[in-house]
C-alpha atoms as a PDB file:
ATOM      1  CA  MET A   1      -6.786 -19.514 -10.468  1.00  0.00           C
ATOM      2  CA  ALA A   2     -10.227 -20.325  -9.049  1.00  0.00           C
ATOM      3  CA  ALA A   3     -11.501 -16.861  -9.997  1.00  0.00           C
ATOM      4  CA  SER A   4     -10.264 -17.346 -13.555  1.00  0.00           C
ATOM      5  CA  ARG A   5     -12.087 -20.689 -13.812  1.00  0.00           C
ATOM      6  CA  GLN A   6     -15.267 -19.173 -12.429  1.00  0.00           C
ATOM      7  CA  ALA A   7     -15.051 -16.258 -14.891  1.00  0.00           C
ATOM      8  CA  SER A   8     -14.503 -18.689 -17.756  1.00  0.00           C
ATOM      9  CA  VAL A   9     -17.584 -20.721 -16.812  1.00  0.00           C
ATOM     10  CA  ALA A  10     -19.775 -17.675 -16.205  1.00  0.00           C
ATOM     11  CA  PHE A  11     -18.637 -15.441 -19.072  1.00  0.00           C
ATOM     12  CA  GLY A  12     -16.747 -17.650 -21.509  1.00  0.00           C
ATOM     13  CA  ASP A  13     -13.563 -15.697 -20.773  1.00  0.00           C
ATOM     14  CA  GLY A  14     -11.125 -16.474 -17.971  1.00  0.00           C
ATOM     15  CA  GLU A  15      -9.528 -13.038 -17.846  1.00  0.00           C
ATOM     16  CA  VAL A  16      -9.644 -11.447 -14.402  1.00  0.00           C
ATOM     17  CA  TYR A  17      -9.052  -7.795 -13.610  1.00  0.00           C
ATOM     18  CA  ILE A  18      -7.364  -7.075 -10.298  1.00  0.00           C
ATOM     19  CA  GLU A  19      -7.573  -3.595  -8.805  1.00  0.00           C
ATOM     20  CA  LYS A  20      -4.804  -2.067  -6.739  1.00  0.00           C
ATOM     21  CA  TYR A  21      -5.689  -1.960  -3.042  1.00  0.00           C
ATOM     22  CA  LEU A  22      -5.333   1.450  -1.427  1.00  0.00           C
ATOM     23  CA  SER A  23      -5.698   1.458   2.331  1.00  0.00           C
ATOM     24  CA  ASP A  24      -5.704   5.199   3.065  1.00  0.00           C
ATOM     25  CA  VAL A  25      -7.428   7.394   0.498  1.00  0.00           C
ATOM     26  CA  ARG A  26      -9.117  10.758   0.173  1.00  0.00           C
ATOM     27  CA  HIS A  27     -12.169  11.311  -2.030  1.00  0.00           C
ATOM     28  CA  VAL A  28     -11.715  14.542  -3.998  1.00  0.00           C
ATOM     29  CA  GLU A  29     -13.979  15.874  -6.721  1.00  0.00           C
ATOM     30  CA  VAL A  30     -13.278  18.660  -9.211  1.00  0.00           C
ATOM     31  CA  GLN A  31     -16.113  20.933 -10.381  1.00  0.00           C
ATOM     32  CA  VAL A  32     -15.966  21.481 -14.164  1.00  0.00           C
ATOM     33  CA  PHE A  33     -17.908  23.267 -16.865  1.00  0.00           C
ATOM     34  CA  GLY A  34     -17.476  22.654 -20.576  1.00  0.00           C
ATOM     35  CA  ASP A  35     -18.734  24.239 -23.777  1.00  0.00           C
ATOM     36  CA  GLY A  36     -17.911  21.281 -26.022  1.00  0.00           C
ATOM     37  CA  LYS A  37     -14.444  22.634 -26.823  1.00  0.00           C
ATOM     38  CA  THR A  38     -12.921  23.956 -23.611  1.00  0.00           C
ATOM     39  CA  THR A  39     -13.391  22.749 -20.045  1.00  0.00           C
ATOM     40  CA  LEU A  40     -12.806  24.994 -17.040  1.00  0.00           C
ATOM     41  CA  HIS A  41     -12.591  23.968 -13.402  1.00  0.00           C
ATOM     42  CA  PHE A  42     -13.965  25.715 -10.347  1.00  0.00           C
ATOM     43  CA  GLY A  43     -11.816  24.132  -7.677  1.00  0.00           C
ATOM     44  CA  GLU A  44     -12.136  20.899  -5.801  1.00  0.00           C
ATOM     45  CA  ARG A  45     -14.124  19.562  -2.888  1.00  0.00           C
ATOM     46  CA  ASP A  46     -12.785  16.988  -0.458  1.00  0.00           C
ATOM     47  CA  CYS A  47     -15.608  14.680   0.550  1.00  0.00           C
ATOM     48  CA  SER A  48     -13.627  12.065   2.436  1.00  0.00           C
ATOM     49  CA  VAL A  49     -15.760  12.268   5.569  1.00  0.00           C
ATOM     50  CA  GLN A  50     -18.495   9.773   4.756  1.00  0.00           C
ATOM     51  CA  ARG A  51     -20.792   7.357   6.521  1.00  0.00           C
ATOM     52  CA  ARG A  52     -22.228   4.413   4.610  1.00  0.00           C
ATOM     53  CA  HIS A  53     -20.916   5.936   1.356  1.00  0.00           C
ATOM     54  CA  GLN A  54     -22.857   9.154   1.984  1.00  0.00           C
ATOM     55  CA  LYS A  55     -20.928  12.419   2.128  1.00  0.00           C
ATOM     56  CA  LEU A  56     -21.170  14.147   5.485  1.00  0.00           C
ATOM     57  CA  VAL A  57     -18.655  16.990   5.137  1.00  0.00           C
ATOM     58  CA  GLU A  58     -17.373  18.831   2.060  1.00  0.00           C
ATOM     59  CA  GLU A  59     -14.182  20.872   2.384  1.00  0.00           C
ATOM     60  CA  SER A  60     -12.732  23.256  -0.155  1.00  0.00           C
ATOM     61  CA  PRO A  61      -9.956  23.586  -0.838  1.00  0.00           C
ATOM     62  CA  SER A  62      -8.968  20.057   0.095  1.00  0.00           C
ATOM     63  CA  PRO A  63      -6.603  19.993   3.082  1.00  0.00           C
ATOM     64  CA  ALA A  64      -4.986  16.845   1.646  1.00  0.00           C
ATOM     65  CA  LEU A  65      -3.684  18.407  -1.577  1.00  0.00           C
ATOM     66  CA  THR A  66      -0.464  20.253  -2.211  1.00  0.00           C
ATOM     67  CA  PRO A  67      -0.647  23.155  -4.690  1.00  0.00           C
ATOM     68  CA  GLU A  68       1.142  21.005  -7.290  1.00  0.00           C
ATOM     69  CA  LEU A  69      -1.222  18.047  -6.806  1.00  0.00           C
ATOM     70  CA  ARG A  70      -4.243  20.377  -6.898  1.00  0.00           C
ATOM     71  CA  GLU A  71      -3.031  21.749 -10.233  1.00  0.00           C
ATOM     72  CA  ARG A  72      -2.417  18.262 -11.686  1.00  0.00           C
ATOM     73  CA  MET A  73      -5.867  17.019 -10.661  1.00  0.00           C
ATOM     74  CA  ALA A  74      -7.630  20.090 -12.075  1.00  0.00           C
ATOM     75  CA  ALA A  75      -5.666  19.713 -15.319  1.00  0.00           C
ATOM     76  CA  ALA A  76      -6.640  16.036 -15.539  1.00  0.00           C
ATOM     77  CA  ALA A  77     -10.320  16.858 -14.957  1.00  0.00           C
ATOM     78  CA  CYS A  78     -10.256  19.556 -17.653  1.00  0.00           C
ATOM     79  CA  ALA A  79      -8.366  17.294 -20.069  1.00  0.00           C
ATOM     80  CA  LEU A  80     -11.064  14.647 -19.645  1.00  0.00           C
ATOM     81  CA  GLY A  81     -13.798  17.174 -20.418  1.00  0.00           C
ATOM     82  CA  ASP A  82     -11.885  18.482 -23.432  1.00  0.00           C
ATOM     83  CA  ARG A  83     -11.241  14.979 -24.747  1.00  0.00           C
ATOM     84  CA  VAL A  84     -14.921  14.025 -24.762  1.00  0.00           C
ATOM     85  CA  GLY A  85     -16.201  17.436 -25.878  1.00  0.00           C
ATOM     86  CA  TYR A  86     -18.119  17.868 -22.641  1.00  0.00           C
ATOM     87  CA  GLU A  87     -20.910  20.453 -22.479  1.00  0.00           C
ATOM     88  CA  GLY A  88     -22.454  21.626 -19.222  1.00  0.00           C
ATOM     89  CA  ALA A  89     -21.729  21.240 -15.536  1.00  0.00           C
ATOM     90  CA  GLY A  90     -19.971  18.158 -14.244  1.00  0.00           C
ATOM     91  CA  THR A  91     -17.980  16.743 -11.393  1.00  0.00           C
ATOM     92  CA  VAL A  92     -14.901  14.606 -11.967  1.00  0.00           C
ATOM     93  CA  GLU A  93     -14.263  12.361  -8.970  1.00  0.00           C
ATOM     94  CA  PHE A  94     -10.897  10.982  -7.896  1.00  0.00           C
ATOM     95  CA  ILE A  95      -9.381   9.068  -5.025  1.00  0.00           C
ATOM     96  CA  VAL A  96      -6.002  10.187  -3.747  1.00  0.00           C
ATOM     97  CA  ASP A  97      -3.557   7.722  -2.195  1.00  0.00           C
ATOM     98  CA  ALA A  98      -2.515   9.458   1.033  1.00  0.00           C
ATOM     99  CA  ALA A  99       0.853   7.678   1.096  1.00  0.00           C
ATOM    100  CA  THR A 100       2.035   8.290  -2.471  1.00  0.00           C
ATOM    101  CA  ARG A 101      -0.096  11.310  -3.481  1.00  0.00           C
ATOM    102  CA  ASP A 102      -1.064   9.447  -6.653  1.00  0.00           C
ATOM    103  CA  PHE A 103      -4.629  10.058  -7.798  1.00  0.00           C
ATOM    104  CA  TYR A 104      -7.012   7.815  -9.675  1.00  0.00           C
ATOM    105  CA  PHE A 105     -10.189   8.538 -11.643  1.00  0.00           C
ATOM    106  CA  ILE A 106     -13.394   7.162 -10.120  1.00  0.00           C
ATOM    107  CA  GLU A 107     -16.191   8.606 -12.266  1.00  0.00           C
ATOM    108  CA  MET A 108     -17.666  11.726 -13.775  1.00  0.00           C
ATOM    109  CA  ASN A 109     -21.085  12.911 -12.707  1.00  0.00           C
ATOM    110  CA  THR A 110     -22.552  14.724 -15.698  1.00  0.00           C
ATOM    111  CA  ARG A 111     -24.690  17.166 -13.765  1.00  0.00           C
ATOM    112  CA  ILE A 112     -24.472  19.830 -11.131  1.00  0.00           C
ATOM    113  CA  GLN A 113     -24.339  18.134  -7.731  1.00  0.00           C
ATOM    114  CA  VAL A 114     -26.027  19.097  -4.493  1.00  0.00           C
ATOM    115  CA  GLU A 115     -22.589  20.028  -3.082  1.00  0.00           C
ATOM    116  CA  HIS A 116     -22.076  22.795  -5.663  1.00  0.00           C
ATOM    117  CA  PRO A 117     -22.716  25.631  -3.134  1.00  0.00           C
ATOM    118  CA  VAL A 118     -19.372  24.750  -1.513  1.00  0.00           C
ATOM    119  CA  SER A 119     -17.630  25.553  -4.806  1.00  0.00           C
ATOM    120  CA  GLU A 120     -19.762  28.674  -5.239  1.00  0.00           C
ATOM    121  CA  GLU A 121     -18.764  29.953  -1.813  1.00  0.00           C
ATOM    122  CA  VAL A 122     -15.042  29.331  -2.375  1.00  0.00           C
ATOM    123  CA  THR A 123     -14.816  30.629  -5.966  1.00  0.00           C
ATOM    124  CA  GLY A 124     -17.363  33.448  -5.722  1.00  0.00           C
ATOM    125  CA  HIS A 125     -19.116  32.224  -8.898  1.00  0.00           C
ATOM    126  CA  ASP A 126     -22.807  31.386  -9.163  1.00  0.00           C
ATOM    127  CA  LEU A 127     -22.576  27.999 -10.880  1.00  0.00           C
ATOM    128  CA  VAL A 128     -26.288  27.578 -11.496  1.00  0.00           C
END
């Protein structure tokens, strides 16, 4: 109630968005490339080991994903690229609820990331 009042005073609208709290998550990103029509993926990287929001270790494939979950996440990343007509290299980032195995979109980085050599090593493709 207090948050709604504060939002109303500050923004002229009392609506408040509440995010679901997830206590045990993994941070998994899917490497994608699009040509404006079709998006392909080049596997995922698990970057859950972080310090002060900086990635310390990248693992691929993610030890936290089942084959079925890996397939669903890759399909979701490619569907996003297809939907927006994405062209170029990108990374679609998700968090995965360790308890339920549900995954949630965080963001898409519309560039090749410094971690791309992990994907290159695993897939055998030169991404640059």
